[in-house]
């Protein structure tokens, strides 16, 4: 009885000092962060299409046709814009890039009005592993949502864990993002709108 009491006390003490799961870093293969807890520099990649390397953008400035350009996003993630030089485009939404260009052009043009059009999105292939019907490389077109990729892979198998769907991402920093099946297909907290990007790997346990 004394031994059992001591064991119970030790287990309770260990539980009290153990850090919450969300406090662990996201670098190890078994560690993760829930989609709803994504930091601000990752979360904007859900929803509207995120510009990627190799995408071709057409940019126009109203009343300044000489500034019209059609350019591919370079391997360094940038575009060269007249008057303001290199601008980071990778990972930004089209609407966000438009607002940024208008803001920076105010130093040169009165009330600039900029249009940004995604002319040629770079084809994206994502790897899906684990408990999906058709694992492997899945090509995606304009629709880069996680829900779309899972559908193209034939959905989850009968053995899949409905609470263990992961997106492994290495850029801009390594992170393993966890989703539930319900959150993706019921679009809870916009999980169904989460956009995949080049280099992402989808794992279903």
C-alpha atoms as a PDB file:
ATOM      1  CA  UNK A   1       0.000   0.000   0.000  1.00  0.00           C
ATOM      2  CA  UNK A   2       2.888   2.351   0.847  1.00  0.00           C
ATOM      3  CA  UNK A   3       4.575   1.594  -2.487  1.00  0.00           C
ATOM      4  CA  UNK A   4       1.325   2.208  -4.407  1.00  0.00           C
ATOM      5  CA  UNK A   5       0.869   5.508  -2.572  1.00  0.00           C
ATOM      6  CA  UNK A   6       4.395   6.614  -3.461  1.00  0.00           C
ATOM      7  CA  UNK A   7       3.885   5.684  -7.128  1.00  0.00           C
ATOM      8  CA  UNK A   8       0.627   7.646  -7.278  1.00  0.00           C
ATOM      9  CA  UNK A   9       2.315  10.678  -5.743  1.00  0.00           C
ATOM     10  CA  UNK A  10       5.205  10.484  -8.243  1.00  0.00           C
ATOM     11  CA  UNK A  11       2.826  10.164 -11.201  1.00  0.00           C
ATOM     12  CA  UNK A  12       0.809  13.164 -10.019  1.00  0.00           C
ATOM     13  CA  UNK A  13       3.961  15.264  -9.635  1.00  0.00           C
ATOM     14  CA  UNK A  14       5.114  14.332 -13.152  1.00  0.00           C
ATOM     15  CA  UNK A  15       1.722  15.284 -14.568  1.00  0.00           C
ATOM     16  CA  UNK A  16       1.823  18.657 -12.850  1.00  0.00           C
ATOM     17  CA  UNK A  17       5.239  19.607 -14.263  1.00  0.00           C
ATOM     18  CA  UNK A  18       4.676  18.212 -17.789  1.00  0.00           C
ATOM     19  CA  UNK A  19       4.197  21.053 -20.321  1.00  0.00           C
ATOM     20  CA  UNK A  20       0.958  21.281 -22.343  1.00  0.00           C
ATOM     21  CA  UNK A  21       1.079  19.632 -25.758  1.00  0.00           C
ATOM     22  CA  UNK A  22       0.773  22.939 -27.603  1.00  0.00           C
ATOM     23  CA  UNK A  23       4.024  24.186 -26.027  1.00  0.00           C
ATOM     24  CA  UNK A  24       6.228  21.680 -27.848  1.00  0.00           C
ATOM     25  CA  UNK A  25       8.209  22.863 -30.895  1.00  0.00           C
ATOM     26  CA  UNK A  26       7.137  21.684 -34.315  1.00  0.00           C
ATOM     27  CA  UNK A  27      10.445  20.436 -35.715  1.00  0.00           C
ATOM     28  CA  UNK A  28      10.259  16.749 -34.737  1.00  0.00           C
ATOM     29  CA  UNK A  29       8.357  14.151 -36.764  1.00  0.00           C
ATOM     30  CA  UNK A  30       5.965  13.365 -33.921  1.00  0.00           C
ATOM     31  CA  UNK A  31       5.260  16.964 -32.939  1.00  0.00           C
ATOM     32  CA  UNK A  32       2.607  19.206 -34.485  1.00  0.00           C
ATOM     33  CA  UNK A  33       0.455  22.282 -34.126  1.00  0.00           C
ATOM     34  CA  UNK A  34      -3.319  22.292 -34.611  1.00  0.00           C
ATOM     35  CA  UNK A  35      -4.591  24.263 -37.604  1.00  0.00           C
ATOM     36  CA  UNK A  36      -6.522  26.614 -35.319  1.00  0.00           C
ATOM     37  CA  UNK A  37      -3.280  27.549 -33.498  1.00  0.00           C
ATOM     38  CA  UNK A  38      -1.250  28.502 -36.565  1.00  0.00           C
ATOM     39  CA  UNK A  39       0.951  31.594 -36.140  1.00  0.00           C
ATOM     40  CA  UNK A  40       0.137  34.715 -38.108  1.00  0.00           C
ATOM     41  CA  UNK A  41       2.884  34.161 -40.709  1.00  0.00           C
ATOM     42  CA  UNK A  42       1.376  30.789 -41.705  1.00  0.00           C
ATOM     43  CA  UNK A  43      -2.386  31.281 -41.233  1.00  0.00           C
ATOM     44  CA  UNK A  44      -2.842  33.739 -44.156  1.00  0.00           C
ATOM     45  CA  UNK A  45      -2.023  30.877 -46.500  1.00  0.00           C
ATOM     46  CA  UNK A  46      -5.537  29.589 -45.937  1.00  0.00           C
ATOM     47  CA  UNK A  47      -8.369  31.040 -47.970  1.00  0.00           C
ATOM     48  CA  UNK A  48      -7.378  33.009 -51.061  1.00  0.00           C
ATOM     49  CA  UNK A  49      -4.768  31.557 -53.427  1.00  0.00           C
ATOM     50  CA  UNK A  50      -1.192  32.168 -52.263  1.00  0.00           C
ATOM     51  CA  UNK A  51       1.266  33.233 -54.949  1.00  0.00           C
ATOM     52  CA  UNK A  52       4.008  30.663 -55.519  1.00  0.00           C
ATOM     53  CA  UNK A  53       7.326  30.353 -57.298  1.00  0.00           C
ATOM     54  CA  UNK A  54       6.957  30.222 -61.074  1.00  0.00           C
ATOM     55  CA  UNK A  55       3.492  31.830 -61.124  1.00  0.00           C
ATOM     56  CA  UNK A  56       3.068  34.430 -63.872  1.00  0.00           C
ATOM     57  CA  UNK A  57       1.450  37.689 -62.766  1.00  0.00           C
ATOM     58  CA  UNK A  58       0.128  40.496 -64.943  1.00  0.00           C
ATOM     59  CA  UNK A  59       0.366  43.878 -63.252  1.00  0.00           C
ATOM     60  CA  UNK A  60      -1.190  47.116 -64.505  1.00  0.00           C
ATOM     61  CA  UNK A  61      -1.258  50.642 -63.090  1.00  0.00           C
ATOM     62  CA  UNK A  62      -4.321  52.661 -64.154  1.00  0.00           C
ATOM     63  CA  UNK A  63      -3.277  55.578 -66.372  1.00  0.00           C
ATOM     64  CA  UNK A  64       0.318  54.388 -66.606  1.00  0.00           C
ATOM     65  CA  UNK A  65       0.426  51.805 -69.369  1.00  0.00           C
ATOM     66  CA  UNK A  66       4.223  52.083 -69.519  1.00  0.00           C
ATOM     67  CA  UNK A  67       4.317  50.244 -66.178  1.00  0.00           C
ATOM     68  CA  UNK A  68       2.323  47.250 -67.426  1.00  0.00           C
ATOM     69  CA  UNK A  69       4.279  44.026 -67.026  1.00  0.00           C
ATOM     70  CA  UNK A  70       3.787  40.279 -67.183  1.00  0.00           C
ATOM     71  CA  UNK A  71       6.412  38.531 -65.125  1.00  0.00           C
ATOM     72  CA  UNK A  72       7.113  35.136 -63.587  1.00  0.00           C
ATOM     73  CA  UNK A  73       7.865  34.942 -59.856  1.00  0.00           C
ATOM     74  CA  UNK A  74      11.588  34.252 -59.638  1.00  0.00           C
ATOM     75  CA  UNK A  75      13.205  31.418 -57.625  1.00  0.00           C
ATOM     76  CA  UNK A  76      13.945  33.959 -54.881  1.00  0.00           C
ATOM     77  CA  UNK A  77      10.199  34.676 -54.618  1.00  0.00           C
ATOM     78  CA  UNK A  78      10.420  38.211 -55.990  1.00  0.00           C
ATOM     79  CA  UNK A  79       9.184  40.338 -58.890  1.00  0.00           C
ATOM     80  CA  UNK A  80      10.905  43.380 -60.380  1.00  0.00           C
ATOM     81  CA  UNK A  81       8.461  46.318 -60.476  1.00  0.00           C
ATOM     82  CA  UNK A  82       9.177  49.629 -62.284  1.00  0.00           C
ATOM     83  CA  UNK A  83       9.944  52.554 -59.939  1.00  0.00           C
ATOM     84  CA  UNK A  84      10.039  50.472 -56.740  1.00  0.00           C
ATOM     85  CA  UNK A  85      12.346  47.587 -57.686  1.00  0.00           C
ATOM     86  CA  UNK A  86      12.169  44.066 -56.280  1.00  0.00           C
ATOM     87  CA  UNK A  87       9.044  43.075 -54.341  1.00  0.00           C
ATOM     88  CA  UNK A  88       8.481  39.834 -52.422  1.00  0.00           C
ATOM     89  CA  UNK A  89       5.499  38.017 -53.985  1.00  0.00           C
ATOM     90  CA  UNK A  90       5.806  34.417 -52.780  1.00  0.00           C
ATOM     91  CA  UNK A  91       3.234  33.415 -50.183  1.00  0.00           C
ATOM     92  CA  UNK A  92       1.157  36.575 -50.549  1.00  0.00           C
ATOM     93  CA  UNK A  93      -2.444  36.801 -51.673  1.00  0.00           C
ATOM     94  CA  UNK A  94      -3.162  38.608 -54.917  1.00  0.00           C
ATOM     95  CA  UNK A  95      -5.216  41.191 -53.024  1.00  0.00           C
ATOM     96  CA  UNK A  96      -2.392  41.661 -50.512  1.00  0.00           C
ATOM     97  CA  UNK A  97       0.196  42.216 -53.235  1.00  0.00           C
ATOM     98  CA  UNK A  98      -2.114  44.726 -54.928  1.00  0.00           C
ATOM     99  CA  UNK A  99      -2.483  46.719 -51.698  1.00  0.00           C
ATOM    100  CA  UNK A 100       1.266  46.654 -51.087  1.00  0.00           C
ATOM    101  CA  UNK A 101       2.084  47.906 -54.580  1.00  0.00           C
ATOM    102  CA  UNK A 102      -0.442  50.716 -54.303  1.00  0.00           C
ATOM    103  CA  UNK A 103       1.055  51.738 -50.976  1.00  0.00           C
ATOM    104  CA  UNK A 104       4.622  51.784 -52.252  1.00  0.00           C
ATOM    105  CA  UNK A 105       3.739  53.578 -55.496  1.00  0.00           C
ATOM    106  CA  UNK A 106       2.264  56.526 -53.586  1.00  0.00           C
ATOM    107  CA  UNK A 107       5.785  57.925 -53.373  1.00  0.00           C
ATOM    108  CA  UNK A 108       5.790  58.279 -57.162  1.00  0.00           C
ATOM    109  CA  UNK A 109       2.152  58.400 -58.348  1.00  0.00           C
ATOM    110  CA  UNK A 110      -0.875  60.264 -56.977  1.00  0.00           C
ATOM    111  CA  UNK A 111      -3.576  57.811 -55.823  1.00  0.00           C
ATOM    112  CA  UNK A 112      -2.231  54.784 -57.756  1.00  0.00           C
ATOM    113  CA  UNK A 113      -4.740  52.099 -58.771  1.00  0.00           C
ATOM    114  CA  UNK A 114      -3.104  48.723 -59.385  1.00  0.00           C
ATOM    115  CA  UNK A 115      -4.565  45.511 -60.785  1.00  0.00           C
ATOM    116  CA  UNK A 116      -2.811  42.181 -60.185  1.00  0.00           C
ATOM    117  CA  UNK A 117      -3.966  39.179 -62.219  1.00  0.00           C
ATOM    118  CA  UNK A 118      -2.761  35.614 -61.760  1.00  0.00           C
ATOM    119  CA  UNK A 119      -2.152  34.893 -65.427  1.00  0.00           C
ATOM    120  CA  UNK A 120      -0.452  31.482 -65.310  1.00  0.00           C
ATOM    121  CA  UNK A 121      -0.346  29.587 -62.017  1.00  0.00           C
ATOM    122  CA  UNK A 122       2.558  27.178 -61.764  1.00  0.00           C
ATOM    123  CA  UNK A 123       1.332  23.553 -61.759  1.00  0.00           C
ATOM    124  CA  UNK A 124       1.524  22.069 -58.277  1.00  0.00           C
ATOM    125  CA  UNK A 125       2.081  18.430 -57.353  1.00  0.00           C
ATOM    126  CA  UNK A 126       1.556  17.358 -53.743  1.00  0.00           C
ATOM    127  CA  UNK A 127       2.535  14.039 -52.159  1.00  0.00           C
ATOM    128  CA  UNK A 128      -0.125  12.207 -50.126  1.00  0.00           C
ATOM    129  CA  UNK A 129       0.858   9.301 -47.869  1.00  0.00           C
ATOM    130  CA  UNK A 130      -0.849   6.973 -45.440  1.00  0.00           C
ATOM    131  CA  UNK A 131      -4.508   6.040 -45.196  1.00  0.00           C
ATOM    132  CA  UNK A 132      -5.872   7.529 -48.428  1.00  0.00           C
ATOM    133  CA  UNK A 133      -7.387   5.452 -51.203  1.00  0.00           C
ATOM    134  CA  UNK A 134      -4.819   6.465 -53.842  1.00  0.00           C
ATOM    135  CA  UNK A 135      -1.579   7.595 -52.159  1.00  0.00           C
ATOM    136  CA  UNK A 136       1.168   9.191 -54.219  1.00  0.00           C
ATOM    137  CA  UNK A 137       1.768  12.365 -56.211  1.00  0.00           C
ATOM    138  CA  UNK A 138      -1.418  14.345 -56.890  1.00  0.00           C
ATOM    139  CA  UNK A 139      -1.340  17.198 -59.476  1.00  0.00           C
ATOM    140  CA  UNK A 140      -3.453  20.203 -58.525  1.00  0.00           C
ATOM    141  CA  UNK A 141      -4.752  22.975 -60.770  1.00  0.00           C
ATOM    142  CA  UNK A 142      -6.212  26.289 -59.566  1.00  0.00           C
ATOM    143  CA  UNK A 143      -7.888  24.560 -56.628  1.00  0.00           C
ATOM    144  CA  UNK A 144      -5.117  23.936 -54.108  1.00  0.00           C
ATOM    145  CA  UNK A 145      -7.302  23.335 -51.062  1.00  0.00           C
ATOM    146  CA  UNK A 146      -6.399  20.449 -48.769  1.00  0.00           C
ATOM    147  CA  UNK A 147      -9.988  19.188 -49.103  1.00  0.00           C
ATOM    148  CA  UNK A 148      -9.597  19.061 -52.896  1.00  0.00           C
ATOM    149  CA  UNK A 149      -6.318  17.137 -52.703  1.00  0.00           C
ATOM    150  CA  UNK A 150      -7.852  14.539 -50.358  1.00  0.00           C
ATOM    151  CA  UNK A 151     -10.819  14.157 -52.708  1.00  0.00           C
ATOM    152  CA  UNK A 152      -8.507  13.589 -55.688  1.00  0.00           C
ATOM    153  CA  UNK A 153      -6.729  10.898 -53.663  1.00  0.00           C
ATOM    154  CA  UNK A 154     -10.055   9.085 -53.308  1.00  0.00           C
ATOM    155  CA  UNK A 155     -10.686  10.169 -49.737  1.00  0.00           C
ATOM    156  CA  UNK A 156      -9.723   8.406 -46.522  1.00  0.00           C
ATOM    157  CA  UNK A 157      -9.650   4.629 -46.105  1.00  0.00           C
ATOM    158  CA  UNK A 158     -11.743   2.790 -43.519  1.00  0.00           C
ATOM    159  CA  UNK A 159      -8.641   2.503 -41.338  1.00  0.00           C
ATOM    160  CA  UNK A 160      -7.790   6.211 -41.320  1.00  0.00           C
ATOM    161  CA  UNK A 161      -7.833   8.236 -38.114  1.00  0.00           C
ATOM    162  CA  UNK A 162     -10.381  11.026 -38.577  1.00  0.00           C
ATOM    163  CA  UNK A 163      -8.400  13.222 -36.194  1.00  0.00           C
ATOM    164  CA  UNK A 164      -4.880  12.681 -37.565  1.00  0.00           C
ATOM    165  CA  UNK A 165      -4.538  14.444 -40.913  1.00  0.00           C
ATOM    166  CA  UNK A 166      -1.264  16.351 -41.220  1.00  0.00           C
ATOM    167  CA  UNK A 167       0.293  18.841 -43.631  1.00  0.00           C
ATOM    168  CA  UNK A 168       4.088  18.849 -43.378  1.00  0.00           C
ATOM    169  CA  UNK A 169       5.528  22.180 -44.567  1.00  0.00           C
ATOM    170  CA  UNK A 170       9.171  23.268 -44.723  1.00  0.00           C
ATOM    171  CA  UNK A 171       8.823  26.904 -45.835  1.00  0.00           C
ATOM    172  CA  UNK A 172       9.131  29.546 -44.481  1.00  0.00           C
ATOM    173  CA  UNK A 173       9.972  27.300 -41.503  1.00  0.00           C
ATOM    174  CA  UNK A 174       9.464  23.593 -40.749  1.00  0.00           C
ATOM    175  CA  UNK A 175       6.032  22.918 -39.303  1.00  0.00           C
ATOM    176  CA  UNK A 176       3.610  19.987 -39.026  1.00  0.00           C
ATOM    177  CA  UNK A 177      -0.032  21.101 -39.085  1.00  0.00           C
ATOM    178  CA  UNK A 178      -2.783  18.833 -37.746  1.00  0.00           C
ATOM    179  CA  UNK A 179      -6.403  18.735 -38.940  1.00  0.00           C
ATOM    180  CA  UNK A 180      -9.470  16.650 -38.221  1.00  0.00           C
ATOM    181  CA  UNK A 181     -11.616  15.201 -40.978  1.00  0.00           C
ATOM    182  CA  UNK A 182     -14.640  17.050 -39.621  1.00  0.00           C
ATOM    183  CA  UNK A 183     -12.894  20.444 -39.609  1.00  0.00           C
ATOM    184  CA  UNK A 184     -11.832  20.054 -43.255  1.00  0.00           C
ATOM    185  CA  UNK A 185     -15.130  18.904 -44.723  1.00  0.00           C
ATOM    186  CA  UNK A 186     -17.371  21.079 -42.539  1.00  0.00           C
ATOM    187  CA  UNK A 187     -15.002  24.014 -43.064  1.00  0.00           C
ATOM    188  CA  UNK A 188     -14.679  24.674 -39.346  1.00  0.00           C
ATOM    189  CA  UNK A 189     -12.502  27.775 -38.790  1.00  0.00           C
ATOM    190  CA  UNK A 190     -11.959  27.727 -42.571  1.00  0.00           C
ATOM    191  CA  UNK A 191      -9.899  24.537 -42.378  1.00  0.00           C
ATOM    192  CA  UNK A 192     -11.542  23.408 -45.619  1.00  0.00           C
ATOM    193  CA  UNK A 193     -10.053  26.449 -47.374  1.00  0.00           C
ATOM    194  CA  UNK A 194      -6.468  25.696 -46.347  1.00  0.00           C
ATOM    195  CA  UNK A 195      -4.217  26.165 -49.375  1.00  0.00           C
ATOM    196  CA  UNK A 196      -1.406  23.739 -50.139  1.00  0.00           C
ATOM    197  CA  UNK A 197       1.851  25.075 -51.511  1.00  0.00           C
ATOM    198  CA  UNK A 198       4.917  23.612 -53.289  1.00  0.00           C
ATOM    199  CA  UNK A 199       6.834  21.218 -51.075  1.00  0.00           C
ATOM    200  CA  UNK A 200       3.870  20.308 -48.859  1.00  0.00           C
ATOM    201  CA  UNK A 201       3.359  16.656 -47.890  1.00  0.00           C
ATOM    202  CA  UNK A 202      -0.017  15.376 -46.683  1.00  0.00           C
ATOM    203  CA  UNK A 203      -0.043  12.478 -44.214  1.00  0.00           C
ATOM    204  CA  UNK A 204      -3.110  10.582 -43.017  1.00  0.00           C
ATOM    205  CA  UNK A 205      -2.597   8.221 -40.093  1.00  0.00           C
END
